[in-house]
Amino acid sequence: TCVVNVTQTSYQAEENHNITLEWTFTTTADTSPDSLYIFCEMKTDHKVLVPESRDQQFVGRVQWDKDVLRDGRLRLYVSRLRTEDSGQYLCDVRTNYGGDFGDCWLSVSGKSVDE
């Protein structure tokens, strides 16, 4: 069976910074990136993030590292964070031998302004 684990259950970052959300999943000797079905979304609004986000909130700001998939790792990069990026992120990994999902929370705080 495939088991997905989240590296951290919650992340905190500031607006305009970048962040990497990371999950791990079990692989077998014959696991190839072509045999994986990966679906990541921001749960609050069901916004699909990968493979290529077409959602206006994330377009051009979300990427994932395909090179580490063979090692059983999923890295999701979100750049130029906005406060509305805060929420629950879920990644679902399906393989020929099963599937699982893991989720984490991202909290993006606005920059403090000295008045």
PDB file of N, CA and C in Angstrom:
ATOM      1  N   THR A   1       0.829  -1.196   0.000  1.00  0.00           N
ATOM      2  CA  THR A   1       0.000   0.000   0.000  1.00  0.00           C
ATOM      3  C   THR A   1       0.865   1.248   0.000  1.00  0.00           C
ATOM      4  N   CYS A   2       0.286   2.330  -0.389  1.00  0.00           N
ATOM      5  CA  CYS A   2       0.968   3.624  -0.418  1.00  0.00           C
ATOM      6  C   CYS A   2       0.569   4.410   0.827  1.00  0.00           C
ATOM      7  N   VAL A   3       1.540   4.953   1.523  1.00  0.00           N
ATOM      8  CA  VAL A   3       1.269   5.764   2.709  1.00  0.00           C
ATOM      9  C   VAL A   3       1.879   7.142   2.493  1.00  0.00           C
ATOM     10  N   VAL A   4       1.069   8.191   2.704  1.00  0.00           N
ATOM     11  CA  VAL A   4       1.536   9.568   2.552  1.00  0.00           C
ATOM     12  C   VAL A   4       1.662  10.193   3.937  1.00  0.00           C
ATOM     13  N   ASN A   5       2.799  10.809   4.189  1.00  0.00           N
ATOM     14  CA  ASN A   5       3.022  11.530   5.435  1.00  0.00           C
ATOM     15  C   ASN A   5       3.379  12.972   5.118  1.00  0.00           C
ATOM     16  N   VAL A   6       2.926  13.866   5.961  1.00  0.00           N
ATOM     17  CA  VAL A   6       3.280  15.266   5.802  1.00  0.00           C
ATOM     18  C   VAL A   6       4.513  15.533   6.663  1.00  0.00           C
ATOM     19  N   THR A   7       5.482  16.263   6.106  1.00  0.00           N
ATOM     20  CA  THR A   7       6.720  16.545   6.836  1.00  0.00           C
ATOM     21  C   THR A   7       6.449  17.444   8.032  1.00  0.00           C
ATOM     22  N   GLN A   8       5.586  18.434   7.860  1.00  0.00           N
ATOM     23  CA  GLN A   8       5.161  19.313   8.948  1.00  0.00           C
ATOM     24  C   GLN A   8       3.646  19.440   8.868  1.00  0.00           C
ATOM     25  N   THR A   9       2.982  19.503  10.014  1.00  0.00           N
ATOM     26  CA  THR A   9       1.530  19.643   9.994  1.00  0.00           C
ATOM     27  C   THR A   9       1.104  21.086   9.825  1.00  0.00           C
ATOM     28  N   SER A  10       1.992  22.028  10.162  1.00  0.00           N
ATOM     29  CA  SER A  10       1.645  23.431   9.957  1.00  0.00           C
ATOM     30  C   SER A  10       2.884  24.239   9.609  1.00  0.00           C
ATOM     31  N   TYR A  11       2.678  25.238   8.791  1.00  0.00           N
ATOM     32  CA  TYR A  11       3.743  26.128   8.340  1.00  0.00           C
ATOM     33  C   TYR A  11       3.295  27.559   8.598  1.00  0.00           C
ATOM     34  N   GLN A  12       4.265  28.418   8.908  1.00  0.00           N
ATOM     35  CA  GLN A  12       3.979  29.835   9.069  1.00  0.00           C
ATOM     36  C   GLN A  12       4.960  30.613   8.217  1.00  0.00           C
ATOM     37  N   ALA A  13       4.457  31.649   7.563  1.00  0.00           N
ATOM     38  CA  ALA A  13       5.318  32.459   6.703  1.00  0.00           C
ATOM     39  C   ALA A  13       4.746  33.864   6.613  1.00  0.00           C
ATOM     40  N   GLU A  14       5.573  34.761   6.096  1.00  0.00           N
ATOM     41  CA  GLU A  14       5.127  36.136   5.907  1.00  0.00           C
ATOM     42  C   GLU A  14       4.765  36.392   4.459  1.00  0.00           C
ATOM     43  N   GLU A  15       3.891  37.350   4.284  1.00  0.00           N
ATOM     44  CA  GLU A  15       3.471  37.782   2.961  1.00  0.00           C
ATOM     45  C   GLU A  15       4.695  38.146   2.116  1.00  0.00           C
ATOM     46  N   ASN A  16       4.644  37.814   0.832  1.00  0.00           N
ATOM     47  CA  ASN A  16       5.702  38.062  -0.162  1.00  0.00           C
ATOM     48  C   ASN A  16       6.917  37.144  -0.026  1.00  0.00           C
ATOM     49  N   HIS A  17       6.944  36.263   0.970  1.00  0.00           N
ATOM     50  CA  HIS A  17       8.017  35.280   1.089  1.00  0.00           C
ATOM     51  C   HIS A  17       7.645  34.055   0.267  1.00  0.00           C
ATOM     52  N   ASN A  18       8.567  33.115   0.182  1.00  0.00           N
ATOM     53  CA  ASN A  18       8.341  31.850  -0.521  1.00  0.00           C
ATOM     54  C   ASN A  18       8.331  30.726   0.504  1.00  0.00           C
ATOM     55  N   ILE A  19       7.673  29.625   0.166  1.00  0.00           N
ATOM     56  CA  ILE A  19       7.644  28.482   1.089  1.00  0.00           C
ATOM     57  C   ILE A  19       7.628  27.178   0.308  1.00  0.00           C
ATOM     58  N   THR A  20       8.156  26.133   0.940  1.00  0.00           N
ATOM     59  CA  THR A  20       8.118  24.791   0.383  1.00  0.00           C
ATOM     60  C   THR A  20       7.321  23.907   1.336  1.00  0.00           C
ATOM     61  N   LEU A  21       6.230  23.350   0.839  1.00  0.00           N
ATOM     62  CA  LEU A  21       5.445  22.379   1.599  1.00  0.00           C
ATOM     63  C   LEU A  21       5.911  21.007   1.130  1.00  0.00           C
ATOM     64  N   GLU A  22       6.092  20.078   2.068  1.00  0.00           N
ATOM     65  CA  GLU A  22       6.665  18.788   1.681  1.00  0.00           C
ATOM     66  C   GLU A  22       5.916  17.613   2.281  1.00  0.00           C
ATOM     67  N   TRP A  23       5.723  16.589   1.458  1.00  0.00           N
ATOM     68  CA  TRP A  23       5.112  15.321   1.861  1.00  0.00           C
ATOM     69  C   TRP A  23       6.060  14.193   1.473  1.00  0.00           C
ATOM     70  N   THR A  24       5.935  13.055   2.149  1.00  0.00           N
ATOM     71  CA  THR A  24       6.669  11.852   1.745  1.00  0.00           C
ATOM     72  C   THR A  24       5.637  10.752   1.502  1.00  0.00           C
ATOM     73  N   PHE A  25       6.013   9.799   0.645  1.00  0.00           N
ATOM     74  CA  PHE A  25       5.122   8.679   0.392  1.00  0.00           C
ATOM     75  C   PHE A  25       5.958   7.439   0.107  1.00  0.00           C
ATOM     76  N   THR A  26       5.362   6.280   0.377  1.00  0.00           N
ATOM     77  CA  THR A  26       6.075   5.025   0.175  1.00  0.00           C
ATOM     78  C   THR A  26       6.189   4.722  -1.313  1.00  0.00           C
ATOM     79  N   THR A  27       7.337   4.182  -1.687  1.00  0.00           N
ATOM     80  CA  THR A  27       7.570   3.804  -3.082  1.00  0.00           C
ATOM     81  C   THR A  27       8.027   2.356  -3.122  1.00  0.00           C
ATOM     82  N   THR A  28       7.994   1.794  -4.314  1.00  0.00           N
ATOM     83  CA  THR A  28       8.547   0.456  -4.518  1.00  0.00           C
ATOM     84  C   THR A  28       9.675   0.584  -5.541  1.00  0.00           C
ATOM     85  N   ALA A  29      10.397  -0.495  -5.735  1.00  0.00           N
ATOM     86  CA  ALA A  29      11.538  -0.461  -6.654  1.00  0.00           C
ATOM     87  C   ALA A  29      11.123  -0.058  -8.069  1.00  0.00           C
ATOM     88  N   ASP A  30       9.888  -0.395  -8.439  1.00  0.00           N
ATOM     89  CA  ASP A  30       9.459  -0.089  -9.811  1.00  0.00           C
ATOM     90  C   ASP A  30       8.614   1.187  -9.910  1.00  0.00           C
ATOM     91  N   THR A  31       8.617   1.994  -8.853  1.00  0.00           N
ATOM     92  CA  THR A  31       7.860   3.242  -8.902  1.00  0.00           C
ATOM     93  C   THR A  31       8.554   4.220  -9.838  1.00  0.00           C
ATOM     94  N   SER A  32       7.813   4.678 -10.815  1.00  0.00           N
ATOM     95  CA  SER A  32       8.347   5.713 -11.696  1.00  0.00           C
ATOM     96  C   SER A  32       7.376   6.888 -11.649  1.00  0.00           C
ATOM     97  N   PRO A  33       7.875   8.090 -11.897  1.00  0.00           N
ATOM     98  CA  PRO A  33       6.979   9.247 -11.880  1.00  0.00           C
ATOM     99  C   PRO A  33       5.789   9.083 -12.824  1.00  0.00           C
ATOM    100  N   ASP A  34       5.955   8.299 -13.895  1.00  0.00           N
ATOM    101  CA  ASP A  34       4.861   8.087 -14.838  1.00  0.00           C
ATOM    102  C   ASP A  34       3.731   7.252 -14.244  1.00  0.00           C
ATOM    103  N   SER A  35       4.024   6.467 -13.205  1.00  0.00           N
ATOM    104  CA  SER A  35       2.993   5.622 -12.611  1.00  0.00           C
ATOM    105  C   SER A  35       2.293   6.305 -11.437  1.00  0.00           C
ATOM    106  N   LEU A  36       2.615   7.560 -11.176  1.00  0.00           N
ATOM    107  CA  LEU A  36       2.028   8.287 -10.058  1.00  0.00           C
ATOM    108  C   LEU A  36       0.923   9.224 -10.534  1.00  0.00           C
ATOM    109  N   TYR A  37      -0.134   9.292  -9.751  1.00  0.00           N
ATOM    110  CA  TYR A  37      -1.172  10.286  -9.961  1.00  0.00           C
ATOM    111  C   TYR A  37      -1.141  11.159  -8.717  1.00  0.00           C
ATOM    112  N   ILE A  38      -0.838  12.427  -8.900  1.00  0.00           N
ATOM    113  CA  ILE A  38      -0.712  13.335  -7.767  1.00  0.00           C
ATOM    114  C   ILE A  38      -1.693  14.478  -7.943  1.00  0.00           C
ATOM    115  N   PHE A  39      -2.447  14.728  -6.884  1.00  0.00           N
ATOM    116  CA  PHE A  39      -3.452  15.774  -6.899  1.00  0.00           C
ATOM    117  C   PHE A  39      -3.276  16.576  -5.624  1.00  0.00           C
ATOM    118  N   CYS A  40      -2.959  17.851  -5.758  1.00  0.00           N
ATOM    119  CA  CYS A  40      -2.833  18.720  -4.586  1.00  0.00           C
ATOM    120  C   CYS A  40      -3.829  19.855  -4.703  1.00  0.00           C
ATOM    121  N   GLU A  41      -4.400  20.221  -3.580  1.00  0.00           N
ATOM    122  CA  GLU A  41      -5.363  21.310  -3.602  1.00  0.00           C
ATOM    123  C   GLU A  41      -5.327  22.091  -2.304  1.00  0.00           C
ATOM    124  N   MET A  42      -5.789  23.319  -2.403  1.00  0.00           N
ATOM    125  CA  MET A  42      -6.035  24.126  -1.214  1.00  0.00           C
ATOM    126  C   MET A  42      -7.473  23.834  -0.826  1.00  0.00           C
ATOM    127  N   LYS A  43      -7.666  23.178   0.306  1.00  0.00           N
ATOM    128  CA  LYS A  43      -8.978  22.652   0.676  1.00  0.00           C
ATOM    129  C   LYS A  43     -10.027  23.728   0.927  1.00  0.00           C
ATOM    130  N   THR A  44      -9.645  24.888   1.394  1.00  0.00           N
ATOM    131  CA  THR A  44     -10.643  25.886   1.762  1.00  0.00           C
ATOM    132  C   THR A  44     -11.545  26.240   0.584  1.00  0.00           C
ATOM    133  N   ASP A  45     -10.958  26.343  -0.608  1.00  0.00           N
ATOM    134  CA  ASP A  45     -11.744  26.692  -1.779  1.00  0.00           C
ATOM    135  C   ASP A  45     -11.660  25.626  -2.867  1.00  0.00           C
ATOM    136  N   HIS A  46     -11.100  24.460  -2.543  1.00  0.00           N
ATOM    137  CA  HIS A  46     -10.913  23.379  -3.511  1.00  0.00           C
ATOM    138  C   HIS A  46     -10.174  23.869  -4.753  1.00  0.00           C
ATOM    139  N   LYS A  47      -9.073  24.561  -4.535  1.00  0.00           N
ATOM    140  CA  LYS A  47      -8.285  25.074  -5.649  1.00  0.00           C
ATOM    141  C   LYS A  47      -7.176  24.090  -5.969  1.00  0.00           C
ATOM    142  N   VAL A  48      -7.167  23.574  -7.164  1.00  0.00           N
ATOM    143  CA  VAL A  48      -6.180  22.586  -7.574  1.00  0.00           C
ATOM    144  C   VAL A  48      -4.843  23.286  -7.805  1.00  0.00           C
ATOM    145  N   LEU A  49      -3.768  22.724  -7.236  1.00  0.00           N
ATOM    146  CA  LEU A  49      -2.468  23.380  -7.301  1.00  0.00           C
ATOM    147  C   LEU A  49      -1.503  22.742  -8.277  1.00  0.00           C
ATOM    148  N   VAL A  50      -1.522  21.433  -8.425  1.00  0.00           N
ATOM    149  CA  VAL A  50      -0.584  20.796  -9.342  1.00  0.00           C
ATOM    150  C   VAL A  50      -1.345  19.819 -10.215  1.00  0.00           C
ATOM    151  N   PRO A  51      -0.796  19.456 -11.377  1.00  0.00           N
ATOM    152  CA  PRO A  51       0.551  19.788 -11.815  1.00  0.00           C
ATOM    153  C   PRO A  51       0.732  21.246 -12.213  1.00  0.00           C
ATOM    154  N   GLU A  52      -0.189  21.849 -12.895  1.00  0.00           N
ATOM    155  CA  GLU A  52      -0.039  23.256 -13.256  1.00  0.00           C
ATOM    156  C   GLU A  52      -1.302  23.988 -12.841  1.00  0.00           C
ATOM    157  N   SER A  53      -1.148  24.894 -11.917  1.00  0.00           N
ATOM    158  CA  SER A  53      -2.305  25.624 -11.435  1.00  0.00           C
ATOM    159  C   SER A  53      -2.783  26.630 -12.469  1.00  0.00           C
ATOM    160  N   ARG A  54      -4.078  26.567 -12.753  1.00  0.00           N
ATOM    161  CA  ARG A  54      -4.677  27.554 -13.645  1.00  0.00           C
ATOM    162  C   ARG A  54      -5.553  28.515 -12.851  1.00  0.00           C
ATOM    163  N   ASP A  55      -5.625  28.288 -11.545  1.00  0.00           N
ATOM    164  CA  ASP A  55      -6.417  29.159 -10.700  1.00  0.00           C
ATOM    165  C   ASP A  55      -5.747  30.528 -10.624  1.00  0.00           C
ATOM    166  N   GLN A  56      -6.521  31.566 -10.767  1.00  0.00           N
ATOM    167  CA  GLN A  56      -5.949  32.917 -10.795  1.00  0.00           C
ATOM    168  C   GLN A  56      -5.188  33.255  -9.519  1.00  0.00           C
ATOM    169  N   GLN A  57      -5.583  32.673  -8.400  1.00  0.00           N
ATOM    170  CA  GLN A  57      -4.873  32.963  -7.157  1.00  0.00           C
ATOM    171  C   GLN A  57      -3.438  32.432  -7.185  1.00  0.00           C
ATOM    172  N   PHE A  58      -3.216  31.316  -7.875  1.00  0.00           N
ATOM    173  CA  PHE A  58      -1.912  30.656  -7.809  1.00  0.00           C
ATOM    174  C   PHE A  58      -1.132  30.641  -9.120  1.00  0.00           C
ATOM    175  N   VAL A  59      -1.744  31.073 -10.210  1.00  0.00           N
ATOM    176  CA  VAL A  59      -1.086  30.962 -11.509  1.00  0.00           C
ATOM    177  C   VAL A  59       0.277  31.659 -11.491  1.00  0.00           C
ATOM    178  N   GLY A  60       1.295  30.930 -11.943  1.00  0.00           N
ATOM    179  CA  GLY A  60       2.650  31.457 -11.994  1.00  0.00           C
ATOM    180  C   GLY A  60       3.373  31.478 -10.667  1.00  0.00           C
ATOM    181  N   ARG A  61       2.720  31.010  -9.585  1.00  0.00           N
ATOM    182  CA  ARG A  61       3.358  31.052  -8.268  1.00  0.00           C
ATOM    183  C   ARG A  61       3.550  29.679  -7.643  1.00  0.00           C
ATOM    184  N   VAL A  62       2.999  28.632  -8.266  1.00  0.00           N
ATOM    185  CA  VAL A  62       3.091  27.288  -7.692  1.00  0.00           C
ATOM    186  C   VAL A  62       3.873  26.383  -8.630  1.00  0.00           C
ATOM    187  N   GLN A  63       4.879  25.707  -8.059  1.00  0.00           N
ATOM    188  CA  GLN A  63       5.662  24.741  -8.823  1.00  0.00           C
ATOM    189  C   GLN A  63       5.878  23.526  -7.940  1.00  0.00           C
ATOM    190  N   TRP A  64       6.218  22.415  -8.576  1.00  0.00           N
ATOM    191  CA  TRP A  64       6.579  21.243  -7.786  1.00  0.00           C
ATOM    192  C   TRP A  64       7.799  20.602  -8.376  1.00  0.00           C
ATOM    193  N   ASP A  65       8.542  19.934  -7.504  1.00  0.00           N
ATOM    194  CA  ASP A  65       9.827  19.344  -7.852  1.00  0.00           C
ATOM    195  C   ASP A  65       9.606  17.897  -8.272  1.00  0.00           C
ATOM    196  N   LYS A  66       9.621  17.651  -9.575  1.00  0.00           N
ATOM    197  CA  LYS A  66       9.388  16.289 -10.077  1.00  0.00           C
ATOM    198  C   LYS A  66      10.597  15.383  -9.857  1.00  0.00           C
ATOM    199  N   ASP A  67      11.785  15.965  -9.665  1.00  0.00           N
ATOM    200  CA  ASP A  67      13.002  15.170  -9.514  1.00  0.00           C
ATOM    201  C   ASP A  67      13.025  14.321  -8.244  1.00  0.00           C
ATOM    202  N   VAL A  68      12.297  14.715  -7.215  1.00  0.00           N
ATOM    203  CA  VAL A  68      12.337  13.969  -5.951  1.00  0.00           C
ATOM    204  C   VAL A  68      11.197  12.961  -5.816  1.00  0.00           C
ATOM    205  N   LEU A  69      10.314  12.889  -6.827  1.00  0.00           N
ATOM    206  CA  LEU A  69       9.197  11.941  -6.764  1.00  0.00           C
ATOM    207  C   LEU A  69       9.682  10.500  -6.661  1.00  0.00           C
ATOM    208  N   ARG A  70      10.734  10.172  -7.402  1.00  0.00           N
ATOM    209  CA  ARG A  70      11.261   8.800  -7.379  1.00  0.00           C
ATOM    210  C   ARG A  70      11.720   8.403  -5.979  1.00  0.00           C
ATOM    211  N   ASP A  71      12.142   9.411  -5.183  1.00  0.00           N
ATOM    212  CA  ASP A  71      12.587   9.158  -3.806  1.00  0.00           C
ATOM    213  C   ASP A  71      11.424   9.121  -2.820  1.00  0.00           C
ATOM    214  N   GLY A  72      10.201   9.264  -3.326  1.00  0.00           N
ATOM    215  CA  GLY A  72       9.053   9.243  -2.430  1.00  0.00           C
ATOM    216  C   GLY A  72       8.833  10.568  -1.729  1.00  0.00           C
ATOM    217  N   ARG A  73       9.221  11.657  -2.370  1.00  0.00           N
ATOM    218  CA  ARG A  73       9.015  12.977  -1.780  1.00  0.00           C
ATOM    219  C   ARG A  73       8.242  13.862  -2.749  1.00  0.00           C
ATOM    220  N   LEU A  74       7.411  14.683  -2.200  1.00  0.00           N
ATOM    221  CA  LEU A  74       6.646  15.644  -2.980  1.00  0.00           C
ATOM    222  C   LEU A  74       6.889  17.015  -2.375  1.00  0.00           C
ATOM    223  N   ARG A  75       7.454  17.901  -3.179  1.00  0.00           N
ATOM    224  CA  ARG A  75       7.726  19.267  -2.726  1.00  0.00           C
ATOM    225  C   ARG A  75       6.895  20.231  -3.552  1.00  0.00           C
ATOM    226  N   LEU A  76       6.155  21.071  -2.863  1.00  0.00           N
ATOM    227  CA  LEU A  76       5.318  22.068  -3.507  1.00  0.00           C
ATOM    228  C   LEU A  76       5.850  23.444  -3.119  1.00  0.00           C
ATOM    229  N   TYR A  77       6.273  24.211  -4.107  1.00  0.00           N
ATOM    230  CA  TYR A  77       6.816  25.546  -3.874  1.00  0.00           C
ATOM    231  C   TYR A  77       5.739  26.584  -4.162  1.00  0.00           C
ATOM    232  N   VAL A  78       5.516  27.479  -3.212  1.00  0.00           N
ATOM    233  CA  VAL A  78       4.597  28.589  -3.426  1.00  0.00           C
ATOM    234  C   VAL A  78       5.404  29.867  -3.231  1.00  0.00           C
ATOM    235  N   SER A  79       5.433  30.694  -4.265  1.00  0.00           N
ATOM    236  CA  SER A  79       6.230  31.917  -4.189  1.00  0.00           C
ATOM    237  C   SER A  79       5.335  33.138  -4.012  1.00  0.00           C
ATOM    238  N   ARG A  80       5.942  34.221  -3.589  1.00  0.00           N
ATOM    239  CA  ARG A  80       5.256  35.507  -3.396  1.00  0.00           C
ATOM    240  C   ARG A  80       3.945  35.303  -2.627  1.00  0.00           C
ATOM    241  N   LEU A  81       4.072  34.729  -1.432  1.00  0.00           N
ATOM    242  CA  LEU A  81       2.899  34.386  -0.628  1.00  0.00           C
ATOM    243  C   LEU A  81       1.982  35.583  -0.389  1.00  0.00           C
ATOM    244  N   ARG A  82       0.697  35.282  -0.325  1.00  0.00           N
ATOM    245  CA  ARG A  82      -0.335  36.269  -0.007  1.00  0.00           C
ATOM    246  C   ARG A  82      -1.085  35.779   1.221  1.00  0.00           C
ATOM    247  N   THR A  83      -1.708  36.679   1.952  1.00  0.00           N
ATOM    248  CA  THR A  83      -2.446  36.252   3.144  1.00  0.00           C
ATOM    249  C   THR A  83      -3.580  35.294   2.778  1.00  0.00           C
ATOM    250  N   GLU A  84      -4.160  35.459   1.575  1.00  0.00           N
ATOM    251  CA  GLU A  84      -5.253  34.550   1.177  1.00  0.00           C
ATOM    252  C   GLU A  84      -4.760  33.147   0.809  1.00  0.00           C
ATOM    253  N   ASP A  85      -3.437  32.936   0.807  1.00  0.00           N
ATOM    254  CA  ASP A  85      -2.896  31.589   0.603  1.00  0.00           C
ATOM    255  C   ASP A  85      -3.011  30.757   1.876  1.00  0.00           C
ATOM    256  N   SER A  86      -3.364  31.384   2.984  1.00  0.00           N
ATOM    257  CA  SER A  86      -3.537  30.667   4.250  1.00  0.00           C
ATOM    258  C   SER A  86      -4.655  29.648   4.116  1.00  0.00           C
ATOM    259  N   GLY A  87      -4.427  28.475   4.677  1.00  0.00           N
ATOM    260  CA  GLY A  87      -5.462  27.453   4.655  1.00  0.00           C
ATOM    261  C   GLY A  87      -4.878  26.056   4.697  1.00  0.00           C
ATOM    262  N   GLN A  88      -5.739  25.088   4.448  1.00  0.00           N
ATOM    263  CA  GLN A  88      -5.379  23.681   4.488  1.00  0.00           C
ATOM    264  C   GLN A  88      -4.982  23.226   3.086  1.00  0.00           C
ATOM    265  N   TYR A  89      -3.834  22.548   2.998  1.00  0.00           N
ATOM    266  CA  TYR A  89      -3.333  22.020   1.729  1.00  0.00           C
ATOM    267  C   TYR A  89      -3.298  20.505   1.819  1.00  0.00           C
ATOM    268  N   LEU A  90      -3.884  19.849   0.828  1.00  0.00           N
ATOM    269  CA  LEU A  90      -3.970  18.396   0.813  1.00  0.00           C
ATOM    270  C   LEU A  90      -3.309  17.871  -0.451  1.00  0.00           C
ATOM    271  N   CYS A  91      -2.493  16.844  -0.300  1.00  0.00           N
ATOM    272  CA  CYS A  91      -1.925  16.153  -1.463  1.00  0.00           C
ATOM    273  C   CYS A  91      -2.334  14.693  -1.400  1.00  0.00           C
ATOM    274  N   ASP A  92      -2.861  14.231  -2.519  1.00  0.00           N
ATOM    275  CA  ASP A  92      -3.338  12.862  -2.682  1.00  0.00           C
ATOM    276  C   ASP A  92      -2.410  12.177  -3.681  1.00  0.00           C
ATOM    277  N   VAL A  93      -1.814  11.060  -3.281  1.00  0.00           N
ATOM    278  CA  VAL A  93      -0.894  10.321  -4.146  1.00  0.00           C
ATOM    279  C   VAL A  93      -1.494   8.949  -4.437  1.00  0.00           C
ATOM    280  N   ARG A  94      -1.642   8.632  -5.713  1.00  0.00           N
ATOM    281  CA  ARG A  94      -2.173   7.334  -6.139  1.00  0.00           C
ATOM    282  C   ARG A  94      -1.112   6.623  -6.974  1.00  0.00           C
ATOM    283  N   THR A  95      -0.929   5.340  -6.704  1.00  0.00           N
ATOM    284  CA  THR A  95       0.043   4.530  -7.437  1.00  0.00           C
ATOM    285  C   THR A  95      -0.639   3.248  -7.901  1.00  0.00           C
ATOM    286  N   ASN A  96       0.114   2.403  -8.583  1.00  0.00           N
ATOM    287  CA  ASN A  96      -0.417   1.102  -9.013  1.00  0.00           C
ATOM    288  C   ASN A  96      -0.713   0.188  -7.833  1.00  0.00           C
ATOM    289  N   TYR A  97      -0.146   0.484  -6.671  1.00  0.00           N
ATOM    290  CA  TYR A  97      -0.308  -0.395  -5.508  1.00  0.00           C
ATOM    291  C   TYR A  97      -1.070   0.276  -4.374  1.00  0.00           C
ATOM    292  N   GLY A  98      -1.799   1.328  -4.663  1.00  0.00           N
ATOM    293  CA  GLY A  98      -2.624   1.964  -3.636  1.00  0.00           C
ATOM    294  C   GLY A  98      -2.472   3.471  -3.625  1.00  0.00           C
ATOM    295  N   GLY A  99      -3.094   4.086  -2.645  1.00  0.00           N
ATOM    296  CA  GLY A  99      -3.022   5.527  -2.537  1.00  0.00           C
ATOM    297  C   GLY A  99      -3.334   6.004  -1.139  1.00  0.00           C
ATOM    298  N   ASP A 100      -3.021   7.265  -0.891  1.00  0.00           N
ATOM    299  CA  ASP A 100      -3.232   7.856   0.419  1.00  0.00           C
ATOM    300  C   ASP A 100      -3.133   9.371   0.240  1.00  0.00           C
ATOM    301  N   PHE A 101      -3.424  10.103   1.288  1.00  0.00           N
ATOM    302  CA  PHE A 101      -3.279  11.549   1.229  1.00  0.00           C
ATOM    303  C   PHE A 101      -2.774  12.077   2.559  1.00  0.00           C
ATOM    304  N   GLY A 102      -2.245  13.275   2.532  1.00  0.00           N
ATOM    305  CA  GLY A 102      -1.808  13.951   3.736  1.00  0.00           C
ATOM    306  C   GLY A 102      -2.116  15.425   3.595  1.00  0.00           C
ATOM    307  N   ASP A 103      -2.372  16.077   4.733  1.00  0.00           N
ATOM    308  CA  ASP A 103      -2.664  17.498   4.654  1.00  0.00           C
ATOM    309  C   ASP A 103      -1.897  18.280   5.704  1.00  0.00           C
ATOM    310  N   CYS A 104      -1.761  19.572   5.445  1.00  0.00           N
ATOM    311  CA  CYS A 104      -1.076  20.457   6.370  1.00  0.00           C
ATOM    312  C   CYS A 104      -1.735  21.829   6.287  1.00  0.00           C
ATOM    313  N   TRP A 105      -1.370  22.686   7.213  1.00  0.00           N
ATOM    314  CA  TRP A 105      -1.935  24.037   7.271  1.00  0.00           C
ATOM    315  C   TRP A 105      -0.844  25.051   7.019  1.00  0.00           C
ATOM    316  N   LEU A 106      -1.191  26.090   6.285  1.00  0.00           N
ATOM    317  CA  LEU A 106      -0.285  27.195   6.025  1.00  0.00           C
ATOM    318  C   LEU A 106      -0.940  28.469   6.540  1.00  0.00           C
ATOM    319  N   SER A 107      -0.187  29.211   7.341  1.00  0.00           N
ATOM    320  CA  SER A 107      -0.676  30.491   7.849  1.00  0.00           C
ATOM    321  C   SER A 107       0.272  31.577   7.340  1.00  0.00           C
ATOM    322  N   VAL A 108      -0.269  32.494   6.554  1.00  0.00           N
ATOM    323  CA  VAL A 108       0.528  33.586   5.992  1.00  0.00           C
ATOM    324  C   VAL A 108       0.101  34.872   6.678  1.00  0.00           C
ATOM    325  N   SER A 109       1.059  35.507   7.355  1.00  0.00           N
ATOM    326  CA  SER A 109       0.756  36.763   8.033  1.00  0.00           C
ATOM    327  C   SER A 109       1.197  37.950   7.187  1.00  0.00           C
ATOM    328  N   GLY A 110       0.447  39.020   7.304  1.00  0.00           N
ATOM    329  CA  GLY A 110       0.791  40.235   6.589  1.00  0.00           C
ATOM    330  C   GLY A 110       1.995  40.899   7.230  1.00  0.00           C
ATOM    331  N   LYS A 111       2.689  41.698   6.453  1.00  0.00           N
ATOM    332  CA  LYS A 111       3.833  42.429   6.997  1.00  0.00           C
ATOM    333  C   LYS A 111       3.326  43.514   7.930  1.00  0.00           C
ATOM    334  N   SER A 112       4.023  43.669   9.062  1.00  0.00           N
ATOM    335  CA  SER A 112       3.626  44.717   9.985  1.00  0.00           C
ATOM    336  C   SER A 112       4.089  46.065   9.445  1.00  0.00           C
ATOM    337  N   VAL A 113       3.239  47.040   9.601  1.00  0.00           N
ATOM    338  CA  VAL A 113       3.547  48.378   9.104  1.00  0.00           C
ATOM    339  C   VAL A 113       3.675  49.322  10.289  1.00  0.00           C
ATOM    340  N   ASP A 114       4.822  49.946  10.396  1.00  0.00           N
ATOM    341  CA  ASP A 114       5.034  50.928  11.472  1.00  0.00           C
ATOM    342  C   ASP A 114       4.380  52.233  11.061  1.00  0.00           C
ATOM    343  N   GLU A 115       3.474  52.709  11.900  1.00  0.00           N
ATOM    344  CA  GLU A 115       2.789  53.963  11.540  1.00  0.00           C
ATOM    345  C   GLU A 115       3.375  55.119  12.300  1.00  0.00           C
TER     346      GLU A 115
END
